[in-house]
C-alpha atoms as a PDB file:
ATOM      1  CA  UNK A   1      85.203  84.814  28.030  1.00  0.00           C
ATOM      2  CA  UNK A   2      86.275  89.236  29.050  1.00  0.00           C
ATOM      3  CA  UNK A   3      83.817  90.948  30.728  1.00  0.00           C
ATOM      4  CA  UNK A   4      83.528  93.692  27.488  1.00  0.00           C
ATOM      5  CA  UNK A   5      82.999  90.165  25.215  1.00  0.00           C
ATOM      6  CA  UNK A   6      80.212  89.290  27.733  1.00  0.00           C
ATOM      7  CA  UNK A   7      78.499  92.451  27.959  1.00  0.00           C
ATOM      8  CA  UNK A   8      78.285  92.919  24.075  1.00  0.00           C
ATOM      9  CA  UNK A   9      76.888  89.427  23.302  1.00  0.00           C
ATOM     10  CA  UNK A  10      74.529  89.092  26.212  1.00  0.00           C
ATOM     11  CA  UNK A  11      73.077  93.287  24.667  1.00  0.00           C
ATOM     12  CA  UNK A  12      73.025  91.731  21.252  1.00  0.00           C
ATOM     13  CA  UNK A  13      70.546  88.913  22.600  1.00  0.00           C
ATOM     14  CA  UNK A  14      68.642  90.286  23.997  1.00  0.00           C
ATOM     15  CA  UNK A  15      68.221  92.591  21.540  1.00  0.00           C
ATOM     16  CA  UNK A  16      67.844  90.450  19.222  1.00  0.00           C
ATOM     17  CA  UNK A  17      65.051  88.542  21.474  1.00  0.00           C
ATOM     18  CA  UNK A  18      63.964  90.847  23.313  1.00  0.00           C
ATOM     19  CA  UNK A  19      63.562  93.919  21.581  1.00  0.00           C
ATOM     20  CA  UNK A  20      59.837  95.311  23.312  1.00  0.00           C
ATOM     21  CA  UNK A  21      60.897  95.095  27.009  1.00  0.00           C
ATOM     22  CA  UNK A  22      58.589  97.185  29.616  1.00  0.00           C
ATOM     23  CA  UNK A  23      57.754  97.497  32.705  1.00  0.00           C
ATOM     24  CA  UNK A  24      54.608  94.776  33.634  1.00  0.00           C
ATOM     25  CA  UNK A  25      52.620  97.308  36.451  1.00  0.00           C
ATOM     26  CA  UNK A  26      49.749  99.020  35.140  1.00  0.00           C
ATOM     27  CA  UNK A  27      49.746 102.461  35.264  1.00  0.00           C
ATOM     28  CA  UNK A  28      48.989 105.987  32.590  1.00  0.00           C
ATOM     29  CA  UNK A  29      50.885 108.961  34.462  1.00  0.00           C
ATOM     30  CA  UNK A  30      53.936 109.262  36.129  1.00  0.00           C
ATOM     31  CA  UNK A  31      51.967 109.590  39.777  1.00  0.00           C
ATOM     32  CA  UNK A  32      50.063 106.240  38.944  1.00  0.00           C
ATOM     33  CA  UNK A  33      53.605 104.333  37.959  1.00  0.00           C
ATOM     34  CA  UNK A  34      55.103 106.683  41.299  1.00  0.00           C
ATOM     35  CA  UNK A  35      52.334 104.761  43.766  1.00  0.00           C
ATOM     36  CA  UNK A  36      52.858 100.855  41.422  1.00  0.00           C
ATOM     37  CA  UNK A  37      56.454 101.463  42.301  1.00  0.00           C
ATOM     38  CA  UNK A  38      56.369 102.066  45.948  1.00  0.00           C
ATOM     39  CA  UNK A  39      53.684  99.619  46.583  1.00  0.00           C
ATOM     40  CA  UNK A  40      55.787  96.464  44.311  1.00  0.00           C
ATOM     41  CA  UNK A  41      58.185  97.103  47.169  1.00  0.00           C
ATOM     42  CA  UNK A  42      59.414  93.061  48.445  1.00  0.00           C
ATOM     43  CA  UNK A  43      56.005  92.700  45.589  1.00  0.00           C
ATOM     44  CA  UNK A  44      54.964  91.502  43.101  1.00  0.00           C
ATOM     45  CA  UNK A  45      54.295  93.074  40.083  1.00  0.00           C
ATOM     46  CA  UNK A  46      50.526  90.709  39.751  1.00  0.00           C
ATOM     47  CA  UNK A  47      49.609  91.168  43.246  1.00  0.00           C
ATOM     48  CA  UNK A  48      50.565  95.353  42.478  1.00  0.00           C
ATOM     49  CA  UNK A  49      47.939  95.125  39.426  1.00  0.00           C
ATOM     50  CA  UNK A  50      45.599  93.874  41.271  1.00  0.00           C
ATOM     51  CA  UNK A  51      45.328  96.615  44.002  1.00  0.00           C
ATOM     52  CA  UNK A  52      45.635  99.514  41.693  1.00  0.00           C
ATOM     53  CA  UNK A  53      42.676  99.914  39.701  1.00  0.00           C
ATOM     54  CA  UNK A  54      40.641 101.022  42.919  1.00  0.00           C
ATOM     55  CA  UNK A  55      43.449 103.223  44.901  1.00  0.00           C
ATOM     56  CA  UNK A  56      43.930 105.086  40.939  1.00  0.00           C
ATOM     57  CA  UNK A  57      39.690 105.285  40.521  1.00  0.00           C
ATOM     58  CA  UNK A  58      39.383 106.856  43.850  1.00  0.00           C
ATOM     59  CA  UNK A  59      42.812 108.571  44.327  1.00  0.00           C
ATOM     60  CA  UNK A  60      43.196 109.972  41.115  1.00  0.00           C
ATOM     61  CA  UNK A  61      45.742 113.290  41.721  1.00  0.00           C
ATOM     62  CA  UNK A  62      48.056 113.781  44.148  1.00  0.00           C
ATOM     63  CA  UNK A  63      45.323 115.995  45.970  1.00  0.00           C
ATOM     64  CA  UNK A  64      42.860 113.943  46.670  1.00  0.00           C
ATOM     65  CA  UNK A  65      45.651 111.176  47.815  1.00  0.00           C
ATOM     66  CA  UNK A  66      47.331 113.935  50.216  1.00  0.00           C
ATOM     67  CA  UNK A  67      43.686 115.132  51.566  1.00  0.00           C
ATOM     68  CA  UNK A  68      42.955 111.155  53.177  1.00  0.00           C
ATOM     69  CA  UNK A  69      44.884 109.378  55.388  1.00  0.00           C
ATOM     70  CA  UNK A  70      46.786 106.085  55.873  1.00  0.00           C
ATOM     71  CA  UNK A  71      43.908 104.383  57.037  1.00  0.00           C
ATOM     72  CA  UNK A  72      42.469 104.377  54.520  1.00  0.00           C
ATOM     73  CA  UNK A  73      45.156 103.909  52.164  1.00  0.00           C
ATOM     74  CA  UNK A  74      45.281 100.719  54.069  1.00  0.00           C
ATOM     75  CA  UNK A  75      42.767  99.463  53.587  1.00  0.00           C
ATOM     76  CA  UNK A  76      42.995  99.340  49.678  1.00  0.00           C
ATOM     77  CA  UNK A  77      46.015  97.518  49.976  1.00  0.00           C
ATOM     78  CA  UNK A  78      46.000  95.588  52.864  1.00  0.00           C
ATOM     79  CA  UNK A  79      47.127  91.991  50.810  1.00  0.00           C
ATOM     80  CA  UNK A  80      50.400  93.859  49.371  1.00  0.00           C
ATOM     81  CA  UNK A  81      54.064  93.832  51.691  1.00  0.00           C
ATOM     82  CA  UNK A  82      53.944  95.678  54.775  1.00  0.00           C
ATOM     83  CA  UNK A  83      51.064  97.609  54.024  1.00  0.00           C
ATOM     84  CA  UNK A  84      51.114  99.611  56.775  1.00  0.00           C
ATOM     85  CA  UNK A  85      54.193 101.547  56.081  1.00  0.00           C
ATOM     86  CA  UNK A  86      53.567 101.618  52.392  1.00  0.00           C
ATOM     87  CA  UNK A  87      50.071 103.455  53.409  1.00  0.00           C
ATOM     88  CA  UNK A  88      52.530 106.417  55.664  1.00  0.00           C
ATOM     89  CA  UNK A  89      54.231 105.996  52.389  1.00  0.00           C
ATOM     90  CA  UNK A  90      51.935 106.968  50.154  1.00  0.00           C
ATOM     91  CA  UNK A  91      49.708 109.627  51.735  1.00  0.00           C
ATOM     92  CA  UNK A  92      53.026 111.211  53.111  1.00  0.00           C
ATOM     93  CA  UNK A  93      54.918 110.936  49.300  1.00  0.00           C
ATOM     94  CA  UNK A  94      51.124 112.775  47.726  1.00  0.00           C
ATOM     95  CA  UNK A  95      51.175 115.530  50.166  1.00  0.00           C
ATOM     96  CA  UNK A  96      55.611 115.896  49.888  1.00  0.00           C
ATOM     97  CA  UNK A  97      53.995 116.301  46.176  1.00  0.00           C
ATOM     98  CA  UNK A  98      51.742 118.776  46.368  1.00  0.00           C
ATOM     99  CA  UNK A  99      53.653 120.973  48.905  1.00  0.00           C
ATOM    100  CA  UNK A 100      57.491 120.905  47.561  1.00  0.00           C
ATOM    101  CA  UNK A 101      56.797 120.020  43.614  1.00  0.00           C
ATOM    102  CA  UNK A 102      53.213 121.670  42.015  1.00  0.00           C
ATOM    103  CA  UNK A 103      51.505 118.245  42.259  1.00  0.00           C
ATOM    104  CA  UNK A 104      54.277 117.034  39.453  1.00  0.00           C
ATOM    105  CA  UNK A 105      56.631 113.963  39.940  1.00  0.00           C
ATOM    106  CA  UNK A 106      60.047 114.988  39.578  1.00  0.00           C
ATOM    107  CA  UNK A 107      62.709 114.051  37.275  1.00  0.00           C
ATOM    108  CA  UNK A 108      65.473 114.044  39.253  1.00  0.00           C
ATOM    109  CA  UNK A 109      67.554 111.122  41.571  1.00  0.00           C
ATOM    110  CA  UNK A 110      68.010 113.971  44.471  1.00  0.00           C
ATOM    111  CA  UNK A 111      64.360 115.054  44.444  1.00  0.00           C
ATOM    112  CA  UNK A 112      62.635 111.545  44.459  1.00  0.00           C
ATOM    113  CA  UNK A 113      64.177 110.110  47.542  1.00  0.00           C
ATOM    114  CA  UNK A 114      63.698 113.413  49.277  1.00  0.00           C
ATOM    115  CA  UNK A 115      59.650 111.729  48.866  1.00  0.00           C
ATOM    116  CA  UNK A 116      58.666 108.662  51.385  1.00  0.00           C
ATOM    117  CA  UNK A 117      58.970 106.107  50.153  1.00  0.00           C
ATOM    118  CA  UNK A 118      61.341 106.087  47.248  1.00  0.00           C
ATOM    119  CA  UNK A 119      64.277 104.729  47.644  1.00  0.00           C
ATOM    120  CA  UNK A 120      67.261 104.423  44.966  1.00  0.00           C
ATOM    121  CA  UNK A 121      66.199 101.624  42.646  1.00  0.00           C
ATOM    122  CA  UNK A 122      62.303 103.599  42.907  1.00  0.00           C
ATOM    123  CA  UNK A 123      63.930 106.763  42.222  1.00  0.00           C
ATOM    124  CA  UNK A 124      65.425 104.957  39.006  1.00  0.00           C
ATOM    125  CA  UNK A 125      62.484 102.945  37.955  1.00  0.00           C
ATOM    126  CA  UNK A 126      60.776 106.477  37.824  1.00  0.00           C
ATOM    127  CA  UNK A 127      63.920 108.559  36.242  1.00  0.00           C
ATOM    128  CA  UNK A 128      64.606 105.339  33.893  1.00  0.00           C
ATOM    129  CA  UNK A 129      60.590 104.785  32.725  1.00  0.00           C
ATOM    130  CA  UNK A 130      59.240 107.952  32.933  1.00  0.00           C
ATOM    131  CA  UNK A 131      61.478 111.048  32.108  1.00  0.00           C
ATOM    132  CA  UNK A 132      63.508 107.722  29.322  1.00  0.00           C
ATOM    133  CA  UNK A 133      67.354 108.356  31.508  1.00  0.00           C
ATOM    134  CA  UNK A 134      70.574 106.874  31.486  1.00  0.00           C
ATOM    135  CA  UNK A 135      69.663 104.884  34.783  1.00  0.00           C
ATOM    136  CA  UNK A 136      69.176 101.491  36.119  1.00  0.00           C
ATOM    137  CA  UNK A 137      67.299 100.390  38.943  1.00  0.00           C
ATOM    138  CA  UNK A 138      68.218  96.778  40.964  1.00  0.00           C
ATOM    139  CA  UNK A 139      66.078  95.166  42.600  1.00  0.00           C
ATOM    140  CA  UNK A 140      66.122  91.372  43.677  1.00  0.00           C
ATOM    141  CA  UNK A 141      65.886  89.803  39.349  1.00  0.00           C
ATOM    142  CA  UNK A 142      69.076  92.237  38.071  1.00  0.00           C
ATOM    143  CA  UNK A 143      71.197  91.491  41.188  1.00  0.00           C
ATOM    144  CA  UNK A 144      70.771  87.894  40.411  1.00  0.00           C
ATOM    145  CA  UNK A 145      71.058  87.632  37.000  1.00  0.00           C
ATOM    146  CA  UNK A 146      74.258  90.158  36.475  1.00  0.00           C
ATOM    147  CA  UNK A 147      75.658  87.966  38.906  1.00  0.00           C
ATOM    148  CA  UNK A 148      75.316  84.680  37.300  1.00  0.00           C
ATOM    149  CA  UNK A 149      75.725  85.481  33.326  1.00  0.00           C
ATOM    150  CA  UNK A 150      79.064  87.394  34.924  1.00  0.00           C
ATOM    151  CA  UNK A 151      77.981  91.201  33.657  1.00  0.00           C
ATOM    152  CA  UNK A 152      79.183  91.611  37.556  1.00  0.00           C
ATOM    153  CA  UNK A 153      81.957  90.353  39.900  1.00  0.00           C
ATOM    154  CA  UNK A 154      81.425  88.360  43.133  1.00  0.00           C
ATOM    155  CA  UNK A 155      82.948  91.675  44.973  1.00  0.00           C
ATOM    156  CA  UNK A 156      79.946  93.422  43.766  1.00  0.00           C
ATOM    157  CA  UNK A 157      77.893  92.767  47.084  1.00  0.00           C
ATOM    158  CA  UNK A 158      75.550  95.628  47.620  1.00  0.00           C
ATOM    159  CA  UNK A 159      73.180  96.939  44.419  1.00  0.00           C
ATOM    160  CA  UNK A 160      75.068 100.647  44.031  1.00  0.00           C
ATOM    161  CA  UNK A 161      77.719  98.415  43.359  1.00  0.00           C
ATOM    162  CA  UNK A 162      76.497  96.316  40.093  1.00  0.00           C
ATOM    163  CA  UNK A 163      74.686  99.615  39.732  1.00  0.00           C
ATOM    164  CA  UNK A 164      78.044 101.152  39.025  1.00  0.00           C
ATOM    165  CA  UNK A 165      79.287  98.565  37.149  1.00  0.00           C
ATOM    166  CA  UNK A 166      75.847  98.170  34.464  1.00  0.00           C
ATOM    167  CA  UNK A 167      75.724 101.517  33.896  1.00  0.00           C
ATOM    168  CA  UNK A 168      79.651 101.535  33.535  1.00  0.00           C
ATOM    169  CA  UNK A 169      79.478  99.096  30.798  1.00  0.00           C
ATOM    170  CA  UNK A 170      76.016  99.707  28.835  1.00  0.00           C
ATOM    171  CA  UNK A 171      75.843 102.020  26.395  1.00  0.00           C
ATOM    172  CA  UNK A 172      73.679 105.101  28.129  1.00  0.00           C
ATOM    173  CA  UNK A 173      70.910 104.498  25.116  1.00  0.00           C
ATOM    174  CA  UNK A 174      70.293 101.204  26.291  1.00  0.00           C
ATOM    175  CA  UNK A 175      70.106 101.276  30.075  1.00  0.00           C
ATOM    176  CA  UNK A 176      66.455 102.338  29.888  1.00  0.00           C
ATOM    177  CA  UNK A 177      65.826  98.804  27.882  1.00  0.00           C
ATOM    178  CA  UNK A 178      68.184  96.864  29.861  1.00  0.00           C
ATOM    179  CA  UNK A 179      66.947  97.565  32.717  1.00  0.00           C
ATOM    180  CA  UNK A 180      63.566  95.331  31.589  1.00  0.00           C
ATOM    181  CA  UNK A 181      65.093  92.692  30.027  1.00  0.00           C
ATOM    182  CA  UNK A 182      67.348  91.646  32.640  1.00  0.00           C
ATOM    183  CA  UNK A 183      64.468  92.113  34.640  1.00  0.00           C
ATOM    184  CA  UNK A 184      62.035  90.559  33.103  1.00  0.00           C
ATOM    185  CA  UNK A 185      64.539  87.185  31.840  1.00  0.00           C
ATOM    186  CA  UNK A 186      65.301  86.618  35.808  1.00  0.00           C
ATOM    187  CA  UNK A 187      61.303  86.532  36.378  1.00  0.00           C
ATOM    188  CA  UNK A 188      60.734  84.387  33.551  1.00  0.00           C
ATOM    189  CA  UNK A 189      63.981  82.312  33.318  1.00  0.00           C
ATOM    190  CA  UNK A 190      66.744  82.947  35.101  1.00  0.00           C
ATOM    191  CA  UNK A 191      64.882  82.720  37.961  1.00  0.00           C
ATOM    192  CA  UNK A 192      66.104  81.906  41.820  1.00  0.00           C
ATOM    193  CA  UNK A 193      65.130  78.772  43.442  1.00  0.00           C
ATOM    194  CA  UNK A 194      65.189  76.852  39.557  1.00  0.00           C
ATOM    195  CA  UNK A 195      66.239  78.705  36.687  1.00  0.00           C
ATOM    196  CA  UNK A 196      65.440  77.698  33.060  1.00  0.00           C
ATOM    197  CA  UNK A 197      69.066  76.773  32.097  1.00  0.00           C
ATOM    198  CA  UNK A 198      67.642  74.149  29.303  1.00  0.00           C
ATOM    199  CA  UNK A 199      65.178  77.470  27.928  1.00  0.00           C
ATOM    200  CA  UNK A 200      67.989  79.445  28.090  1.00  0.00           C
ATOM    201  CA  UNK A 201      69.196  81.297  25.015  1.00  0.00           C
ATOM    202  CA  UNK A 202      72.412  82.831  27.138  1.00  0.00           C
ATOM    203  CA  UNK A 203      74.172  79.661  28.001  1.00  0.00           C
ATOM    204  CA  UNK A 204      77.174  80.108  26.060  1.00  0.00           C
ATOM    205  CA  UNK A 205      77.705  83.434  27.093  1.00  0.00           C
ATOM    206  CA  UNK A 206      76.144  82.645  30.802  1.00  0.00           C
ATOM    207  CA  UNK A 207      79.267  82.608  33.909  1.00  0.00           C
ATOM    208  CA  UNK A 208      76.895  80.221  35.067  1.00  0.00           C
ATOM    209  CA  UNK A 209      76.211  77.636  32.953  1.00  0.00           C
ATOM    210  CA  UNK A 210      79.345  77.294  32.019  1.00  0.00           C
ATOM    211  CA  UNK A 211      81.319  76.849  35.130  1.00  0.00           C
ATOM    212  CA  UNK A 212      77.885  74.084  36.139  1.00  0.00           C
ATOM    213  CA  UNK A 213      78.546  72.454  31.880  1.00  0.00           C
ATOM    214  CA  UNK A 214      82.489  72.318  32.856  1.00  0.00           C
ATOM    215  CA  UNK A 215      82.251  70.927  35.968  1.00  0.00           C
ATOM    216  CA  UNK A 216      78.651  68.048  35.069  1.00  0.00           C
ATOM    217  CA  UNK A 217      81.664  67.119  32.546  1.00  0.00           C
ATOM    218  CA  UNK A 218      84.146  66.229  35.433  1.00  0.00           C
ATOM    219  CA  UNK A 219      82.210  63.679  37.205  1.00  0.00           C
END
């Protein structure tokens, strides 16, 4: 199957079977989402959603978060991965929002990645979810699923190279939702250790499944 056809079939399946796909992080404004995405690095959305309500309640604005210390924030987020670093990042991020961006979450990749704790993946999530820009955030789920289905090549060994391939082949208007398609599929179906291939609707499209099926037939 040619790559173009694989993309077309994959997109068509998701459009039919997952017409609504969005982040599972809880938030009510761009500032809260930025906090949640920073906290979600190497941590589950479920865990982040448990700890953010009191954090959002007590630090509802960049000014409030900027006025506290990393030691105080640590007590709110101690159950996430790397809480010390993330506490420092959150306070530093809030202070930069106040000092350089008028307490508003910026919309460009260049500006977002200036913020402490914000790398390219986090910036792309904010661009996509908040500003509906044609950005593709590549986390572990997107990276894994893209390779298994065959949307990217084995030579695409970095998140950036995977991002470039996905942006190249997925229509610009669909990039924001496609990011969530791949994440949710990886989270609930195409899991890392035990992919649920028997329940997957992409069997005939998925390069990984087809190759496994061929091997099983030869045994």
